[in-house]
N, C-alpha and C. Protein backbone atom coordinates (compact mmCIF):
# COMPACT_ATOMS: atom_id res chain seq x y z
N MET A 1 -11.60 -15.01 -11.30
CA MET A 1 -10.32 -14.47 -11.68
C MET A 1 -10.53 -13.58 -12.90
N ASP A 2 -9.86 -12.42 -12.87
CA ASP A 2 -10.00 -11.53 -14.01
C ASP A 2 -9.00 -11.92 -15.10
N PRO A 3 -9.08 -11.29 -16.28
CA PRO A 3 -8.18 -11.66 -17.38
C PRO A 3 -6.69 -11.51 -17.07
N GLU A 4 -6.35 -10.66 -16.10
CA GLU A 4 -4.94 -10.47 -15.73
C GLU A 4 -4.49 -11.44 -14.65
N GLY A 5 -5.39 -12.31 -14.19
CA GLY A 5 -5.03 -13.30 -13.18
C GLY A 5 -5.26 -12.86 -11.75
N ALA A 6 -5.81 -11.68 -11.54
CA ALA A 6 -6.08 -11.19 -10.19
C ALA A 6 -7.42 -11.73 -9.72
N PHE A 7 -7.54 -11.85 -8.40
CA PHE A 7 -8.80 -12.31 -7.82
C PHE A 7 -8.93 -11.75 -6.42
N SER A 8 -10.13 -11.80 -5.89
CA SER A 8 -10.35 -11.43 -4.50
C SER A 8 -11.25 -12.48 -3.87
N TRP A 9 -11.11 -12.58 -2.57
CA TRP A 9 -11.85 -13.59 -1.85
C TRP A 9 -12.04 -13.10 -0.43
N THR A 10 -13.24 -13.18 0.08
CA THR A 10 -13.52 -12.76 1.44
C THR A 10 -13.25 -13.92 2.39
N VAL A 11 -12.53 -13.62 3.45
CA VAL A 11 -12.16 -14.63 4.44
C VAL A 11 -12.78 -14.25 5.77
N ASP A 12 -13.43 -15.19 6.42
CA ASP A 12 -13.97 -14.94 7.75
C ASP A 12 -12.84 -14.98 8.77
N ALA A 13 -12.78 -13.95 9.59
CA ALA A 13 -11.84 -13.89 10.70
C ALA A 13 -12.66 -13.44 11.90
N PRO A 14 -13.43 -14.36 12.50
CA PRO A 14 -14.40 -13.98 13.52
C PRO A 14 -13.79 -13.49 14.83
N ALA A 15 -12.53 -13.82 15.11
CA ALA A 15 -11.92 -13.40 16.37
C ALA A 15 -10.60 -12.70 16.10
N VAL A 16 -10.17 -11.90 17.07
CA VAL A 16 -8.88 -11.23 16.96
C VAL A 16 -7.80 -12.30 16.90
N GLY A 17 -6.87 -12.12 15.98
CA GLY A 17 -5.78 -13.09 15.81
C GLY A 17 -5.51 -13.35 14.34
N GLU A 18 -4.72 -14.37 14.08
CA GLU A 18 -4.31 -14.68 12.71
C GLU A 18 -5.06 -15.87 12.14
N VAL A 19 -5.31 -15.79 10.83
CA VAL A 19 -5.92 -16.88 10.07
C VAL A 19 -4.98 -17.17 8.91
N ALA A 20 -4.49 -18.40 8.82
CA ALA A 20 -3.60 -18.80 7.72
C ALA A 20 -4.44 -19.34 6.57
N ILE A 21 -4.08 -18.95 5.36
CA ILE A 21 -4.81 -19.36 4.16
C ILE A 21 -3.81 -19.94 3.18
N GLU A 22 -4.12 -21.11 2.65
CA GLU A 22 -3.29 -21.73 1.62
C GLU A 22 -3.95 -21.48 0.27
N LEU A 23 -3.21 -20.88 -0.64
CA LEU A 23 -3.71 -20.63 -1.99
C LEU A 23 -3.02 -21.59 -2.95
N ARG A 24 -3.78 -22.10 -3.90
CA ARG A 24 -3.21 -23.01 -4.89
C ARG A 24 -3.74 -22.62 -6.26
N ALA A 25 -2.82 -22.49 -7.20
CA ALA A 25 -3.20 -22.17 -8.58
C ALA A 25 -2.80 -23.33 -9.47
N ASP A 26 -3.73 -23.78 -10.28
CA ASP A 26 -3.48 -24.86 -11.23
C ASP A 26 -3.74 -24.34 -12.64
N VAL A 27 -2.77 -24.57 -13.52
CA VAL A 27 -2.89 -24.19 -14.92
C VAL A 27 -2.53 -25.43 -15.74
N PRO A 28 -3.33 -25.75 -16.74
CA PRO A 28 -3.00 -26.91 -17.56
C PRO A 28 -1.57 -26.85 -18.09
N GLN A 29 -0.89 -27.95 -18.05
CA GLN A 29 0.46 -28.16 -18.57
C GLN A 29 1.54 -27.43 -17.77
N LEU A 30 1.20 -26.91 -16.58
CA LEU A 30 2.19 -26.28 -15.71
C LEU A 30 2.05 -26.86 -14.30
N ALA A 31 3.13 -26.81 -13.56
CA ALA A 31 3.09 -27.29 -12.19
C ALA A 31 2.22 -26.37 -11.34
N SER A 32 1.56 -26.94 -10.36
CA SER A 32 0.74 -26.15 -9.44
C SER A 32 1.64 -25.22 -8.64
N ARG A 33 1.09 -24.09 -8.27
CA ARG A 33 1.79 -23.12 -7.42
C ARG A 33 0.97 -22.94 -6.15
N THR A 34 1.66 -22.88 -5.04
CA THR A 34 0.97 -22.64 -3.77
C THR A 34 1.61 -21.46 -3.06
N ALA A 35 0.82 -20.80 -2.26
CA ALA A 35 1.30 -19.69 -1.44
C ALA A 35 0.53 -19.70 -0.13
N ARG A 36 1.19 -19.28 0.91
CA ARG A 36 0.55 -19.18 2.22
C ARG A 36 0.43 -17.71 2.56
N VAL A 37 -0.78 -17.30 2.92
CA VAL A 37 -1.06 -15.92 3.28
C VAL A 37 -1.64 -15.93 4.69
N VAL A 38 -1.19 -15.00 5.50
CA VAL A 38 -1.72 -14.88 6.85
C VAL A 38 -2.49 -13.57 6.95
N VAL A 39 -3.75 -13.67 7.36
CA VAL A 39 -4.60 -12.51 7.57
C VAL A 39 -4.71 -12.31 9.08
N ARG A 40 -4.53 -11.06 9.51
CA ARG A 40 -4.58 -10.79 10.95
C ARG A 40 -5.69 -9.80 11.25
N ARG A 41 -6.56 -10.19 12.16
CA ARG A 41 -7.63 -9.30 12.60
C ARG A 41 -7.21 -8.67 13.92
N VAL A 42 -7.43 -7.36 14.03
CA VAL A 42 -7.10 -6.63 15.24
C VAL A 42 -8.37 -6.06 15.84
N ALA A 43 -8.32 -5.72 17.11
CA ALA A 43 -9.49 -5.18 17.79
C ALA A 43 -9.82 -3.77 17.29
N ARG A 44 -8.78 -2.93 17.14
CA ARG A 44 -8.99 -1.55 16.70
C ARG A 44 -7.86 -1.12 15.78
N LEU A 45 -8.20 -0.62 14.61
CA LEU A 45 -7.18 -0.17 13.67
C LEU A 45 -6.38 1.02 14.21
N ALA A 46 -7.01 1.88 15.00
CA ALA A 46 -6.29 3.02 15.57
C ALA A 46 -5.17 2.54 16.49
N ASP A 47 -5.42 1.48 17.26
CA ASP A 47 -4.38 0.91 18.12
C ASP A 47 -3.27 0.29 17.29
N GLU A 48 -3.64 -0.39 16.22
CA GLU A 48 -2.65 -0.99 15.32
C GLU A 48 -1.80 0.09 14.66
N ALA A 49 -2.42 1.21 14.29
CA ALA A 49 -1.69 2.32 13.68
C ALA A 49 -0.67 2.88 14.67
N ARG A 50 -1.05 3.05 15.93
CA ARG A 50 -0.11 3.55 16.94
C ARG A 50 1.07 2.60 17.10
N ALA A 51 0.81 1.30 17.09
CA ALA A 51 1.89 0.32 17.21
C ALA A 51 2.81 0.39 16.00
N ARG A 52 2.24 0.54 14.80
CA ARG A 52 3.06 0.63 13.58
C ARG A 52 3.91 1.89 13.57
N GLU A 53 3.38 2.98 14.15
CA GLU A 53 4.13 4.23 14.21
C GLU A 53 5.40 4.05 15.04
N LYS A 54 5.33 3.23 16.08
CA LYS A 54 6.47 3.02 16.97
C LYS A 54 7.50 2.05 16.39
N ALA A 55 7.08 1.20 15.47
CA ALA A 55 7.98 0.21 14.85
C ALA A 55 8.79 0.88 13.74
N ALA A 56 9.81 0.19 13.27
CA ALA A 56 10.63 0.71 12.17
C ALA A 56 9.86 0.65 10.86
N TRP A 57 9.90 1.74 10.10
CA TRP A 57 9.28 1.79 8.78
C TRP A 57 10.05 2.77 7.91
N LEU A 58 9.98 2.55 6.62
CA LEU A 58 10.69 3.40 5.67
C LEU A 58 9.80 4.54 5.19
N GLY A 59 10.39 5.72 5.08
CA GLY A 59 9.71 6.86 4.51
C GLY A 59 10.03 6.97 3.03
N TYR A 60 9.40 7.90 2.38
CA TYR A 60 9.55 8.12 0.94
C TYR A 60 11.01 8.25 0.52
N ASP A 61 11.76 9.13 1.19
CA ASP A 61 13.15 9.37 0.80
C ASP A 61 14.00 8.10 0.88
N ALA A 62 13.79 7.29 1.91
CA ALA A 62 14.55 6.04 2.05
C ALA A 62 14.19 5.06 0.94
N ILE A 63 12.94 5.03 0.55
CA ILE A 63 12.50 4.10 -0.50
C ILE A 63 13.12 4.48 -1.84
N VAL A 64 13.06 5.76 -2.21
CA VAL A 64 13.61 6.15 -3.51
C VAL A 64 15.13 6.08 -3.53
N ALA A 65 15.77 6.16 -2.35
CA ALA A 65 17.23 6.03 -2.28
C ALA A 65 17.68 4.60 -2.54
N ASP A 66 16.84 3.61 -2.18
CA ASP A 66 17.18 2.20 -2.36
C ASP A 66 15.93 1.41 -2.74
N PRO A 67 15.43 1.59 -3.97
CA PRO A 67 14.17 0.95 -4.37
C PRO A 67 14.21 -0.58 -4.24
N THR A 68 15.28 -1.20 -4.67
CA THR A 68 15.36 -2.66 -4.63
C THR A 68 15.41 -3.16 -3.19
N GLY A 69 16.22 -2.52 -2.37
CA GLY A 69 16.35 -2.93 -0.97
C GLY A 69 15.13 -2.63 -0.12
N SER A 70 14.23 -1.80 -0.62
CA SER A 70 13.03 -1.43 0.12
C SER A 70 11.88 -2.41 -0.05
N VAL A 71 11.93 -3.22 -1.09
CA VAL A 71 10.83 -4.14 -1.38
C VAL A 71 10.61 -5.08 -0.19
N GLY A 72 9.35 -5.18 0.22
CA GLY A 72 8.98 -6.05 1.33
C GLY A 72 9.04 -5.39 2.68
N LYS A 73 9.53 -4.16 2.75
CA LYS A 73 9.66 -3.45 4.03
C LYS A 73 8.40 -2.64 4.34
N ASP A 74 8.17 -2.47 5.65
CA ASP A 74 7.03 -1.68 6.11
C ASP A 74 7.21 -0.21 5.78
N THR A 75 6.09 0.46 5.51
CA THR A 75 6.11 1.89 5.26
C THR A 75 4.81 2.50 5.75
N VAL A 76 4.85 3.80 5.96
CA VAL A 76 3.66 4.59 6.29
C VAL A 76 3.64 5.75 5.31
N VAL A 77 2.53 5.90 4.63
CA VAL A 77 2.34 7.00 3.67
C VAL A 77 1.22 7.86 4.23
N GLU A 78 1.47 9.17 4.32
CA GLU A 78 0.42 10.07 4.78
C GLU A 78 0.37 11.28 3.87
N GLY A 79 -0.81 11.56 3.37
CA GLY A 79 -0.96 12.72 2.51
C GLY A 79 -2.31 12.76 1.84
N ASP A 80 -2.41 13.67 0.89
CA ASP A 80 -3.66 13.85 0.16
C ASP A 80 -3.73 12.92 -1.03
N VAL A 81 -4.91 12.37 -1.27
CA VAL A 81 -5.14 11.53 -2.44
C VAL A 81 -5.32 12.45 -3.64
N LEU A 82 -4.41 12.32 -4.61
CA LEU A 82 -4.49 13.15 -5.81
C LEU A 82 -5.38 12.52 -6.88
N GLU A 83 -5.34 11.19 -6.96
CA GLU A 83 -6.17 10.44 -7.90
C GLU A 83 -6.53 9.11 -7.26
N ALA A 84 -7.67 8.58 -7.62
CA ALA A 84 -8.08 7.26 -7.16
C ALA A 84 -9.00 6.65 -8.21
N ARG A 85 -8.73 5.37 -8.54
CA ARG A 85 -9.59 4.69 -9.50
C ARG A 85 -9.74 3.23 -9.09
N ALA A 86 -10.89 2.68 -9.41
CA ALA A 86 -11.15 1.28 -9.11
C ALA A 86 -10.40 0.40 -10.10
N SER A 87 -9.90 -0.72 -9.60
CA SER A 87 -9.23 -1.71 -10.43
C SER A 87 -9.64 -3.07 -9.86
N GLY A 88 -10.69 -3.64 -10.42
CA GLY A 88 -11.24 -4.87 -9.85
C GLY A 88 -11.81 -4.57 -8.48
N SER A 89 -11.40 -5.35 -7.48
CA SER A 89 -11.90 -5.12 -6.13
C SER A 89 -10.99 -4.20 -5.33
N ALA A 90 -9.96 -3.65 -5.97
CA ALA A 90 -9.02 -2.76 -5.29
C ALA A 90 -9.16 -1.34 -5.82
N VAL A 91 -8.50 -0.43 -5.14
CA VAL A 91 -8.40 0.96 -5.57
C VAL A 91 -6.92 1.25 -5.77
N ILE A 92 -6.60 1.90 -6.88
CA ILE A 92 -5.24 2.38 -7.13
C ILE A 92 -5.28 3.88 -6.87
N ALA A 93 -4.47 4.33 -5.93
CA ALA A 93 -4.48 5.75 -5.56
C ALA A 93 -3.08 6.33 -5.70
N LEU A 94 -3.03 7.60 -6.07
CA LEU A 94 -1.79 8.35 -6.13
C LEU A 94 -1.85 9.33 -4.97
N ILE A 95 -0.89 9.20 -4.05
CA ILE A 95 -0.89 10.00 -2.83
C ILE A 95 0.36 10.87 -2.80
N ASP A 96 0.17 12.13 -2.44
CA ASP A 96 1.28 13.07 -2.26
C ASP A 96 1.76 12.90 -0.82
N ASP A 97 2.84 12.13 -0.63
CA ASP A 97 3.32 11.77 0.70
C ASP A 97 4.00 12.95 1.37
N ALA A 98 3.43 13.43 2.46
CA ALA A 98 3.96 14.57 3.18
C ALA A 98 4.82 14.14 4.36
N ARG A 99 4.88 12.86 4.64
CA ARG A 99 5.53 12.42 5.86
C ARG A 99 6.99 12.04 5.69
N GLY A 100 7.31 11.14 4.81
CA GLY A 100 8.68 10.64 4.71
C GLY A 100 9.51 11.35 3.67
N CYS A 101 9.07 12.52 3.24
CA CYS A 101 9.71 13.23 2.13
C CYS A 101 10.26 14.57 2.62
N LYS A 102 11.55 14.78 2.39
CA LYS A 102 12.16 16.06 2.79
C LYS A 102 11.53 17.23 2.07
N GLY A 103 11.09 17.01 0.84
CA GLY A 103 10.47 18.08 0.08
C GLY A 103 9.07 18.43 0.57
N GLY A 104 8.48 17.55 1.39
CA GLY A 104 7.13 17.80 1.89
C GLY A 104 6.08 17.64 0.82
N ALA A 105 4.86 17.95 1.17
CA ALA A 105 3.75 17.82 0.24
C ALA A 105 3.86 18.88 -0.85
N GLY A 106 3.14 18.68 -1.91
CA GLY A 106 3.13 19.65 -2.98
C GLY A 106 3.41 19.05 -4.34
N GLY A 107 3.25 17.73 -4.45
CA GLY A 107 3.37 17.08 -5.73
C GLY A 107 4.72 16.45 -6.01
N GLY A 108 5.68 16.62 -5.12
CA GLY A 108 7.00 16.09 -5.39
C GLY A 108 7.27 14.71 -4.84
N CYS A 109 6.42 14.18 -4.03
CA CYS A 109 6.66 12.91 -3.36
C CYS A 109 5.47 11.97 -3.58
N LEU A 110 5.32 11.54 -4.82
CA LEU A 110 4.17 10.73 -5.20
C LEU A 110 4.39 9.27 -4.89
N VAL A 111 3.36 8.63 -4.34
CA VAL A 111 3.38 7.21 -4.02
C VAL A 111 2.12 6.59 -4.61
N ARG A 112 2.29 5.45 -5.29
CA ARG A 112 1.15 4.70 -5.82
C ARG A 112 0.77 3.67 -4.76
N VAL A 113 -0.49 3.68 -4.35
CA VAL A 113 -0.98 2.78 -3.32
C VAL A 113 -2.04 1.86 -3.93
N VAL A 114 -1.89 0.57 -3.68
CA VAL A 114 -2.89 -0.42 -4.08
C VAL A 114 -3.61 -0.82 -2.79
N TYR A 115 -4.92 -0.64 -2.77
CA TYR A 115 -5.68 -0.78 -1.52
C TYR A 115 -6.99 -1.53 -1.77
N ALA A 116 -7.27 -2.50 -0.93
CA ALA A 116 -8.51 -3.27 -1.08
C ALA A 116 -9.30 -3.31 0.22
N GLY A 117 -9.22 -2.26 1.02
CA GLY A 117 -9.91 -2.24 2.31
C GLY A 117 -11.24 -1.53 2.27
N ASP A 118 -11.79 -1.33 3.46
CA ASP A 118 -13.12 -0.73 3.59
C ASP A 118 -13.11 0.80 3.56
N GLU A 119 -12.01 1.42 4.01
CA GLU A 119 -11.93 2.89 4.02
C GLU A 119 -11.89 3.38 2.57
N LYS A 120 -12.71 4.35 2.25
CA LYS A 120 -12.76 4.86 0.88
C LYS A 120 -11.60 5.81 0.63
N LEU A 121 -10.81 5.53 -0.39
CA LEU A 121 -9.75 6.44 -0.80
C LEU A 121 -10.29 7.25 -1.97
N THR A 122 -10.64 8.49 -1.70
CA THR A 122 -11.22 9.34 -2.73
C THR A 122 -10.38 10.59 -2.90
N ARG A 123 -10.43 11.13 -4.08
CA ARG A 123 -9.64 12.33 -4.40
C ARG A 123 -9.90 13.43 -3.38
N GLY A 124 -8.82 14.03 -2.88
CA GLY A 124 -8.92 15.12 -1.92
C GLY A 124 -8.88 14.68 -0.47
N ALA A 125 -9.11 13.40 -0.20
CA ALA A 125 -9.09 12.92 1.19
C ALA A 125 -7.66 12.89 1.71
N HIS A 126 -7.49 13.16 2.97
CA HIS A 126 -6.18 13.03 3.62
C HIS A 126 -6.18 11.68 4.33
N VAL A 127 -5.21 10.83 3.99
CA VAL A 127 -5.19 9.47 4.52
C VAL A 127 -3.82 9.09 5.06
N ARG A 128 -3.82 8.11 5.92
CA ARG A 128 -2.61 7.43 6.39
C ARG A 128 -2.73 5.99 5.94
N VAL A 129 -1.72 5.52 5.23
CA VAL A 129 -1.73 4.17 4.70
C VAL A 129 -0.57 3.40 5.32
N TYR A 130 -0.86 2.23 5.84
CA TYR A 130 0.14 1.35 6.45
C TYR A 130 0.25 0.12 5.57
N GLY A 131 1.47 -0.16 5.10
CA GLY A 131 1.62 -1.30 4.19
C GLY A 131 3.06 -1.65 3.94
N LYS A 132 3.28 -2.31 2.79
CA LYS A 132 4.62 -2.77 2.41
C LYS A 132 4.97 -2.26 1.02
N VAL A 133 6.24 -1.96 0.85
CA VAL A 133 6.76 -1.53 -0.45
C VAL A 133 6.81 -2.75 -1.36
N THR A 134 6.24 -2.62 -2.57
CA THR A 134 6.28 -3.74 -3.52
C THR A 134 7.17 -3.44 -4.73
N GLY A 135 7.63 -2.21 -4.87
CA GLY A 135 8.50 -1.86 -5.98
C GLY A 135 8.39 -0.38 -6.29
N THR A 136 8.82 -0.02 -7.49
CA THR A 136 8.70 1.36 -7.95
C THR A 136 8.29 1.36 -9.42
N LEU A 137 7.70 2.46 -9.83
CA LEU A 137 7.36 2.68 -11.23
C LEU A 137 8.30 3.74 -11.77
N ALA A 138 8.86 3.51 -12.93
CA ALA A 138 9.72 4.51 -13.56
C ALA A 138 8.85 5.68 -13.99
N PRO A 139 9.39 6.89 -13.93
CA PRO A 139 8.60 8.04 -14.39
C PRO A 139 8.34 7.94 -15.88
N ALA A 140 7.21 8.44 -16.29
CA ALA A 140 6.85 8.43 -17.72
C ALA A 140 7.77 9.36 -18.49
N ALA A 141 8.06 9.00 -19.72
CA ALA A 141 8.89 9.86 -20.57
C ALA A 141 8.23 11.22 -20.71
N GLY A 142 9.00 12.26 -20.49
CA GLY A 142 8.47 13.62 -20.61
C GLY A 142 7.69 14.07 -19.39
N ALA A 143 7.69 13.27 -18.31
CA ALA A 143 6.93 13.64 -17.11
C ALA A 143 7.54 14.87 -16.47
N THR A 144 6.68 15.71 -15.92
CA THR A 144 7.17 16.88 -15.20
C THR A 144 7.39 16.50 -13.75
N GLY A 145 8.13 17.30 -13.03
CA GLY A 145 8.34 17.05 -11.60
C GLY A 145 9.57 16.22 -11.34
N GLY A 146 10.48 16.11 -12.29
CA GLY A 146 11.72 15.39 -12.02
C GLY A 146 11.67 13.98 -12.56
N SER A 147 12.73 13.24 -12.26
CA SER A 147 12.86 11.90 -12.81
C SER A 147 12.83 10.83 -11.73
N THR A 148 12.30 11.13 -10.57
CA THR A 148 12.26 10.17 -9.48
C THR A 148 11.22 9.10 -9.74
N ALA A 149 11.61 7.86 -9.49
CA ALA A 149 10.67 6.75 -9.60
C ALA A 149 9.58 6.91 -8.55
N VAL A 150 8.43 6.35 -8.82
CA VAL A 150 7.29 6.42 -7.90
C VAL A 150 7.21 5.12 -7.11
N PRO A 151 7.35 5.18 -5.77
CA PRO A 151 7.22 3.97 -4.97
C PRO A 151 5.80 3.38 -5.09
N VAL A 152 5.72 2.06 -5.06
CA VAL A 152 4.43 1.37 -5.07
C VAL A 152 4.28 0.65 -3.73
N VAL A 153 3.13 0.86 -3.09
CA VAL A 153 2.87 0.30 -1.77
C VAL A 153 1.59 -0.52 -1.80
N GLN A 154 1.65 -1.73 -1.27
CA GLN A 154 0.46 -2.55 -1.07
C GLN A 154 -0.05 -2.22 0.33
N ALA A 155 -1.21 -1.61 0.40
CA ALA A 155 -1.77 -1.20 1.69
C ALA A 155 -2.28 -2.40 2.47
N GLU A 156 -1.98 -2.42 3.76
CA GLU A 156 -2.57 -3.41 4.66
C GLU A 156 -3.83 -2.83 5.29
N PHE A 157 -3.78 -1.53 5.62
CA PHE A 157 -4.97 -0.82 6.07
C PHE A 157 -4.74 0.67 5.92
N ALA A 158 -5.82 1.43 5.96
CA ALA A 158 -5.74 2.88 5.81
C ALA A 158 -6.72 3.54 6.77
N LEU A 159 -6.36 4.73 7.20
CA LEU A 159 -7.21 5.53 8.07
C LEU A 159 -7.30 6.93 7.50
N LYS A 160 -8.47 7.54 7.58
CA LYS A 160 -8.62 8.92 7.13
C LYS A 160 -8.17 9.86 8.24
N GLY A 161 -7.68 11.02 7.83
CA GLY A 161 -7.30 12.05 8.78
C GLY A 161 -5.81 12.09 9.04
N ARG A 162 -5.42 13.11 9.77
CA ARG A 162 -4.01 13.35 10.06
C ARG A 162 -3.60 12.67 11.36
N SER A 163 -2.34 12.25 11.40
CA SER A 163 -1.84 11.59 12.61
C SER A 163 -1.27 12.58 13.61
N GLY A 164 -0.89 13.76 13.14
CA GLY A 164 -0.25 14.72 14.02
C GLY A 164 1.27 14.56 14.05
N ARG A 165 1.80 13.57 13.33
CA ARG A 165 3.24 13.32 13.29
C ARG A 165 3.73 13.49 11.86
N HIS A 166 4.73 14.31 11.65
CA HIS A 166 5.31 14.48 10.30
C HIS A 166 6.79 14.48 10.39
């Protein structure tokens, strides 16, 4: 566990399907906390991406219109990685979302993505990220580009390249 309380753990998922994991945290003088996490292995991420495209998901404009109501909902972010940095075993990336934004690409539709998968998110790469909205970040004081909050997405998986759908 790092000083901020984050940790990573590799889980074996030898076959396609779901693996349930029970997490328990114990801290002296506090009650134990438990959480159940389900990890799902799929045969092909490209097939999973096609299925996610057909399901309901929120785009950038819908998220910024209702940040609180968007938390926990599925989303798809597609665009160029403007910045990427390692943070423990994850990568924090800033993506210019060209898909769910009426303004289109060009710096106006920024999404912060937290990603801990195998696909490398590097500056300049065009990626599609499938995940869940976890909240928004308020714009920094004096920030250029307007006063829109930046959606934060926890990536479930990512693929490089364009989908052909915008």
